[in-house]
Amino acid sequence: MDQISSEQVQTPEVLVSVAFDKAWRFVEKDPLLAHNLRTVLHSRLRAFLECSIRSGERNTLHLANEAIRNLRAELAPSTKQ
């Protein structure tokens, strides 16, 4: 019998929750995002995770990393002047 990894049977809600926890540990300490309201960071992070899951991603580490990249691209202050 083939073994199925736990991530393959997890619902999208569980994937979002697990990936959110992984990403949040980084986001809450990220100096580039510190100027943002916590509620904004939470909602945008969750939105990015949900979008990636709808696109088919199921690896929670990939989900977390992609959401962090997107969050920084959207909310981190620009260094260009």
C-alpha atoms as a PDB file:
ATOM      1  CA  MET A   1       0.000   0.000   0.000  1.00  0.00           C
ATOM      2  CA  ASP A   2       1.301   3.466  -0.908  1.00  0.00           C
ATOM      3  CA  GLN A   3       1.873   5.870   1.920  1.00  0.00           C
ATOM      4  CA  ILE A   4       0.245   9.281   1.689  1.00  0.00           C
ATOM      5  CA  SER A   5       1.985  12.203   3.357  1.00  0.00           C
ATOM      6  CA  SER A   6      -0.022  14.163   5.889  1.00  0.00           C
ATOM      7  CA  GLU A   7       0.154  17.285   3.676  1.00  0.00           C
ATOM      8  CA  GLN A   8      -1.614  15.460   0.838  1.00  0.00           C
ATOM      9  CA  VAL A   9      -4.715  14.829   2.928  1.00  0.00           C
ATOM     10  CA  GLN A  10      -4.875  18.183   4.702  1.00  0.00           C
ATOM     11  CA  THR A  11      -7.721  20.528   3.895  1.00  0.00           C
ATOM     12  CA  PRO A  12      -6.972  24.007   2.531  1.00  0.00           C
ATOM     13  CA  GLU A  13      -7.914  25.496   5.915  1.00  0.00           C
ATOM     14  CA  VAL A  14      -5.356  23.316   7.691  1.00  0.00           C
ATOM     15  CA  LEU A  15      -2.700  24.151   5.107  1.00  0.00           C
ATOM     16  CA  VAL A  16      -3.350  27.874   5.554  1.00  0.00           C
ATOM     17  CA  SER A  17      -3.135  27.522   9.325  1.00  0.00           C
ATOM     18  CA  VAL A  18       0.128  25.560   9.298  1.00  0.00           C
ATOM     19  CA  ALA A  19       1.746  27.787   6.660  1.00  0.00           C
ATOM     20  CA  PHE A  20       0.521  30.921   8.456  1.00  0.00           C
ATOM     21  CA  ASP A  21       2.177  29.803  11.696  1.00  0.00           C
ATOM     22  CA  LYS A  22       5.455  29.135   9.866  1.00  0.00           C
ATOM     23  CA  ALA A  23       5.374  32.470   8.054  1.00  0.00           C
ATOM     24  CA  TRP A  24       4.228  34.504  11.047  1.00  0.00           C
ATOM     25  CA  ARG A  25       7.273  33.505  13.103  1.00  0.00           C
ATOM     26  CA  PHE A  26       9.349  35.362  10.519  1.00  0.00           C
ATOM     27  CA  VAL A  27       6.937  38.185   9.696  1.00  0.00           C
ATOM     28  CA  GLU A  28       6.414  39.349  13.261  1.00  0.00           C
ATOM     29  CA  LYS A  29      10.181  39.922  13.627  1.00  0.00           C
ATOM     30  CA  ASP A  30      10.855  41.315  10.143  1.00  0.00           C
ATOM     31  CA  PRO A  31      12.172  44.897  10.461  1.00  0.00           C
ATOM     32  CA  LEU A  32      10.989  45.734   6.928  1.00  0.00           C
ATOM     33  CA  LEU A  33       7.393  44.975   7.917  1.00  0.00           C
ATOM     34  CA  ALA A  34       7.449  46.420  11.454  1.00  0.00           C
ATOM     35  CA  HIS A  35       5.742  49.682  10.432  1.00  0.00           C
ATOM     36  CA  ASN A  36       2.563  47.850   9.382  1.00  0.00           C
ATOM     37  CA  LEU A  37      -0.418  47.179  11.604  1.00  0.00           C
ATOM     38  CA  ARG A  38      -0.590  43.625  12.892  1.00  0.00           C
ATOM     39  CA  THR A  39      -4.134  43.229  11.522  1.00  0.00           C
ATOM     40  CA  VAL A  40      -2.968  44.277   8.039  1.00  0.00           C
ATOM     41  CA  LEU A  41      -0.071  41.823   8.153  1.00  0.00           C
ATOM     42  CA  HIS A  42      -2.396  39.028   9.293  1.00  0.00           C
ATOM     43  CA  SER A  43      -5.012  39.617   6.623  1.00  0.00           C
ATOM     44  CA  ARG A  44      -2.567  40.069   3.724  1.00  0.00           C
ATOM     45  CA  LEU A  45      -0.501  37.042   4.774  1.00  0.00           C
ATOM     46  CA  ARG A  46      -3.634  34.899   4.914  1.00  0.00           C
ATOM     47  CA  ALA A  47      -4.780  36.220   1.518  1.00  0.00           C
ATOM     48  CA  PHE A  48      -1.441  35.347  -0.099  1.00  0.00           C
ATOM     49  CA  LEU A  49      -1.527  31.846   1.401  1.00  0.00           C
ATOM     50  CA  GLU A  50      -5.089  31.240   0.204  1.00  0.00           C
ATOM     51  CA  CYS A  51      -4.182  32.425  -3.303  1.00  0.00           C
ATOM     52  CA  SER A  52      -1.206  30.040  -3.494  1.00  0.00           C
ATOM     53  CA  ILE A  53      -3.348  27.143  -2.301  1.00  0.00           C
ATOM     54  CA  ARG A  54      -5.964  27.921  -4.964  1.00  0.00           C
ATOM     55  CA  SER A  55      -3.102  27.789  -7.485  1.00  0.00           C
ATOM     56  CA  GLY A  56      -2.316  24.254  -6.354  1.00  0.00           C
ATOM     57  CA  GLU A  57       0.599  24.614  -3.921  1.00  0.00           C
ATOM     58  CA  ARG A  58       0.391  22.170  -1.008  1.00  0.00           C
ATOM     59  CA  ASN A  59       3.862  22.321   0.551  1.00  0.00           C
ATOM     60  CA  THR A  60       3.530  24.423   3.691  1.00  0.00           C
ATOM     61  CA  LEU A  61       7.136  25.641   3.608  1.00  0.00           C
ATOM     62  CA  HIS A  62       6.756  26.790   0.001  1.00  0.00           C
ATOM     63  CA  LEU A  63       3.441  28.414   0.884  1.00  0.00           C
ATOM     64  CA  ALA A  64       5.002  30.275   3.822  1.00  0.00           C
ATOM     65  CA  ASN A  65       8.053  31.443   1.879  1.00  0.00           C
ATOM     66  CA  GLU A  66       6.026  32.655  -1.105  1.00  0.00           C
ATOM     67  CA  ALA A  67       3.598  34.518   1.156  1.00  0.00           C
ATOM     68  CA  ILE A  68       6.500  36.225   2.959  1.00  0.00           C
ATOM     69  CA  ARG A  69       8.019  37.290  -0.376  1.00  0.00           C
ATOM     70  CA  ASN A  70       4.680  38.665  -1.560  1.00  0.00           C
ATOM     71  CA  LEU A  71       4.043  40.437   1.735  1.00  0.00           C
ATOM     72  CA  ARG A  72       7.442  42.104   1.649  1.00  0.00           C
ATOM     73  CA  ALA A  73       6.984  43.121  -1.990  1.00  0.00           C
ATOM     74  CA  GLU A  74       3.639  44.698  -1.170  1.00  0.00           C
ATOM     75  CA  LEU A  75       4.202  46.234   2.256  1.00  0.00           C
ATOM     76  CA  ALA A  76       7.917  46.762   2.863  1.00  0.00           C
ATOM     77  CA  PRO A  77       9.071  50.341   2.326  1.00  0.00           C
ATOM     78  CA  SER A  78      10.772  50.880  -0.986  1.00  0.00           C
ATOM     79  CA  THR A  79      14.517  51.533  -0.864  1.00  0.00           C
ATOM     80  CA  LYS A  80      14.389  53.418  -4.207  1.00  0.00           C
ATOM     81  CA  GLN A  81      14.453  57.200  -4.031  1.00  0.00           C
END
